[in-house]
Amino acid sequence: MEPINLDPRYSTKEIPGKCIKCLVEQELNNCLRELLRGESENKEMQQRYDTLLAFLKSPESQKLRDETEKYLAEGRKVTLRLSFTDGKPKYELNID
């Protein structure tokens, strides 16, 4: 499965932003719609859905959300990378 990259940002007058939780929930809803269409057996979409859901339920979720907000407040660019490796979800925070 391809890693899921999420780029949270603060809202400004010109650009609406979204937090990590909102981005994950949006992706989760997109996956769910695709899965419910059921046009074909899509194991990658199911794995993507499972990875997103695991992130929302994980205890690390709140910690990463808080850390992301801190870096965004400092004006830094943040990317959260979600992946599924060796049967376990993996979360990486990249800060520029």
C-alpha atoms as a PDB file:
ATOM      1  CA  MET A   1       0.000   0.000   0.000  1.00  0.00           C
ATOM      2  CA  GLU A   2       1.159   3.502  -0.818  1.00  0.00           C
ATOM      3  CA  PRO A   3       1.750   5.687   2.269  1.00  0.00           C
ATOM      4  CA  ILE A   4      -0.899   8.294   3.037  1.00  0.00           C
ATOM      5  CA  ASN A   5       0.523  11.820   3.255  1.00  0.00           C
ATOM      6  CA  LEU A   6      -1.547  14.462   5.018  1.00  0.00           C
ATOM      7  CA  ASP A   7      -0.632  18.163   5.047  1.00  0.00           C
ATOM      8  CA  PRO A   8      -2.453  20.013   7.833  1.00  0.00           C
ATOM      9  CA  ARG A   9      -2.471  23.806   7.879  1.00  0.00           C
ATOM     10  CA  TYR A  10      -4.019  26.711   9.696  1.00  0.00           C
ATOM     11  CA  SER A  11      -6.856  28.635   8.113  1.00  0.00           C
ATOM     12  CA  THR A  12      -6.141  32.104   6.787  1.00  0.00           C
ATOM     13  CA  LYS A  13      -8.362  34.681   5.124  1.00  0.00           C
ATOM     14  CA  GLU A  14      -7.351  33.343   1.721  1.00  0.00           C
ATOM     15  CA  ILE A  15      -6.934  29.608   2.363  1.00  0.00           C
ATOM     16  CA  PRO A  16      -9.080  27.310   4.496  1.00  0.00           C
ATOM     17  CA  GLY A  17      -6.999  24.904   6.580  1.00  0.00           C
ATOM     18  CA  LYS A  18      -7.657  21.542   8.174  1.00  0.00           C
ATOM     19  CA  CYS A  19      -6.232  19.804  11.208  1.00  0.00           C
ATOM     20  CA  ILE A  20      -4.869  16.260  11.176  1.00  0.00           C
ATOM     21  CA  LYS A  21      -8.060  14.769  12.590  1.00  0.00           C
ATOM     22  CA  CYS A  22     -10.222  16.501   9.965  1.00  0.00           C
ATOM     23  CA  LEU A  23      -7.948  15.351   7.146  1.00  0.00           C
ATOM     24  CA  VAL A  24      -7.969  11.749   8.393  1.00  0.00           C
ATOM     25  CA  GLU A  25     -11.758  11.782   8.765  1.00  0.00           C
ATOM     26  CA  GLN A  26     -12.120  13.209   5.245  1.00  0.00           C
ATOM     27  CA  GLU A  27      -9.877  10.473   3.801  1.00  0.00           C
ATOM     28  CA  LEU A  28     -11.736   7.851   5.831  1.00  0.00           C
ATOM     29  CA  ASN A  29     -15.062   9.005   4.377  1.00  0.00           C
ATOM     30  CA  ASN A  30     -13.628   8.937   0.847  1.00  0.00           C
ATOM     31  CA  CYS A  31     -12.425   5.361   1.369  1.00  0.00           C
ATOM     32  CA  LEU A  32     -15.749   4.303   2.835  1.00  0.00           C
ATOM     33  CA  ARG A  33     -17.666   5.701  -0.141  1.00  0.00           C
ATOM     34  CA  GLU A  34     -15.354   3.866  -2.527  1.00  0.00           C
ATOM     35  CA  LEU A  35     -15.708   0.614  -0.602  1.00  0.00           C
ATOM     36  CA  LEU A  36     -19.496   0.910  -0.433  1.00  0.00           C
ATOM     37  CA  ARG A  37     -19.701   1.308  -4.204  1.00  0.00           C
ATOM     38  CA  GLY A  38     -18.323  -2.213  -4.253  1.00  0.00           C
ATOM     39  CA  GLU A  39     -17.662  -2.166  -7.974  1.00  0.00           C
ATOM     40  CA  SER A  40     -14.610  -4.338  -7.484  1.00  0.00           C
ATOM     41  CA  GLU A  41     -12.626  -6.083  -4.779  1.00  0.00           C
ATOM     42  CA  ASN A  42     -10.189  -3.419  -3.674  1.00  0.00           C
ATOM     43  CA  LYS A  43      -7.803  -4.720  -1.025  1.00  0.00           C
ATOM     44  CA  GLU A  44      -5.619  -1.622  -1.157  1.00  0.00           C
ATOM     45  CA  MET A  45      -8.612   0.634  -0.430  1.00  0.00           C
ATOM     46  CA  GLN A  46      -9.600  -1.649   2.478  1.00  0.00           C
ATOM     47  CA  GLN A  47      -6.056  -1.475   3.850  1.00  0.00           C
ATOM     48  CA  ARG A  48      -6.060   2.322   3.459  1.00  0.00           C
ATOM     49  CA  TYR A  49      -9.360   2.482   5.362  1.00  0.00           C
ATOM     50  CA  ASP A  50      -7.965   0.226   8.123  1.00  0.00           C
ATOM     51  CA  THR A  51      -4.812   2.361   8.437  1.00  0.00           C
ATOM     52  CA  LEU A  52      -6.811   5.588   8.765  1.00  0.00           C
ATOM     53  CA  LEU A  53      -9.180   4.034  11.306  1.00  0.00           C
ATOM     54  CA  ALA A  54      -6.279   2.611  13.316  1.00  0.00           C
ATOM     55  CA  PHE A  55      -4.732   6.080  13.472  1.00  0.00           C
ATOM     56  CA  LEU A  56      -7.928   7.677  14.790  1.00  0.00           C
ATOM     57  CA  LYS A  57      -8.248   4.989  17.472  1.00  0.00           C
ATOM     58  CA  SER A  58      -4.574   4.968  18.464  1.00  0.00           C
ATOM     59  CA  PRO A  59      -3.294   6.628  21.640  1.00  0.00           C
ATOM     60  CA  GLU A  60      -0.558   8.210  19.494  1.00  0.00           C
ATOM     61  CA  SER A  61      -3.190  10.122  17.543  1.00  0.00           C
ATOM     62  CA  GLN A  62      -3.687  12.828  20.163  1.00  0.00           C
ATOM     63  CA  LYS A  63       0.045  13.180  20.770  1.00  0.00           C
ATOM     64  CA  LEU A  64       0.736  13.636  17.042  1.00  0.00           C
ATOM     65  CA  ARG A  65      -2.164  16.079  16.702  1.00  0.00           C
ATOM     66  CA  ASP A  66      -0.826  18.182  19.591  1.00  0.00           C
ATOM     67  CA  GLU A  67       2.702  18.102  18.178  1.00  0.00           C
ATOM     68  CA  THR A  68       1.424  19.099  14.737  1.00  0.00           C
ATOM     69  CA  GLU A  69      -0.486  22.066  16.162  1.00  0.00           C
ATOM     70  CA  LYS A  70       2.652  23.220  17.986  1.00  0.00           C
ATOM     71  CA  TYR A  71       4.747  23.185  14.797  1.00  0.00           C
ATOM     72  CA  LEU A  72       2.007  24.848  12.742  1.00  0.00           C
ATOM     73  CA  ALA A  73       1.789  27.623  15.363  1.00  0.00           C
ATOM     74  CA  GLU A  74       5.526  28.172  14.855  1.00  0.00           C
ATOM     75  CA  GLY A  75       4.870  28.648  11.126  1.00  0.00           C
ATOM     76  CA  ARG A  76       6.488  25.391  10.066  1.00  0.00           C
ATOM     77  CA  LYS A  77       5.225  23.034   7.350  1.00  0.00           C
ATOM     78  CA  VAL A  78       4.127  19.655   8.680  1.00  0.00           C
ATOM     79  CA  THR A  79       3.331  16.404   6.889  1.00  0.00           C
ATOM     80  CA  LEU A  80       1.958  13.293   8.571  1.00  0.00           C
ATOM     81  CA  ARG A  81       2.766  10.043   6.797  1.00  0.00           C
ATOM     82  CA  LEU A  82       0.600   7.017   7.588  1.00  0.00           C
ATOM     83  CA  SER A  83       1.653   3.598   6.394  1.00  0.00           C
ATOM     84  CA  PHE A  84       1.060  -0.055   7.158  1.00  0.00           C
ATOM     85  CA  THR A  85       4.274  -2.039   7.604  1.00  0.00           C
ATOM     86  CA  ASP A  86       4.630  -5.656   8.723  1.00  0.00           C
ATOM     87  CA  GLY A  87       0.971  -5.811   9.724  1.00  0.00           C
ATOM     88  CA  LYS A  88       1.216  -2.724  11.930  1.00  0.00           C
ATOM     89  CA  PRO A  89       0.340   0.924  11.323  1.00  0.00           C
ATOM     90  CA  LYS A  90       3.279   3.337  11.291  1.00  0.00           C
ATOM     91  CA  TYR A  91       3.055   7.108  11.780  1.00  0.00           C
ATOM     92  CA  GLU A  92       5.783   9.611  10.843  1.00  0.00           C
ATOM     93  CA  LEU A  93       5.733  13.351  11.365  1.00  0.00           C
ATOM     94  CA  ASN A  94       7.911  15.358   8.941  1.00  0.00           C
ATOM     95  CA  ILE A  95       8.640  18.973   9.839  1.00  0.00           C
ATOM     96  CA  ASP A  96      10.186  21.534   7.461  1.00  0.00           C
END
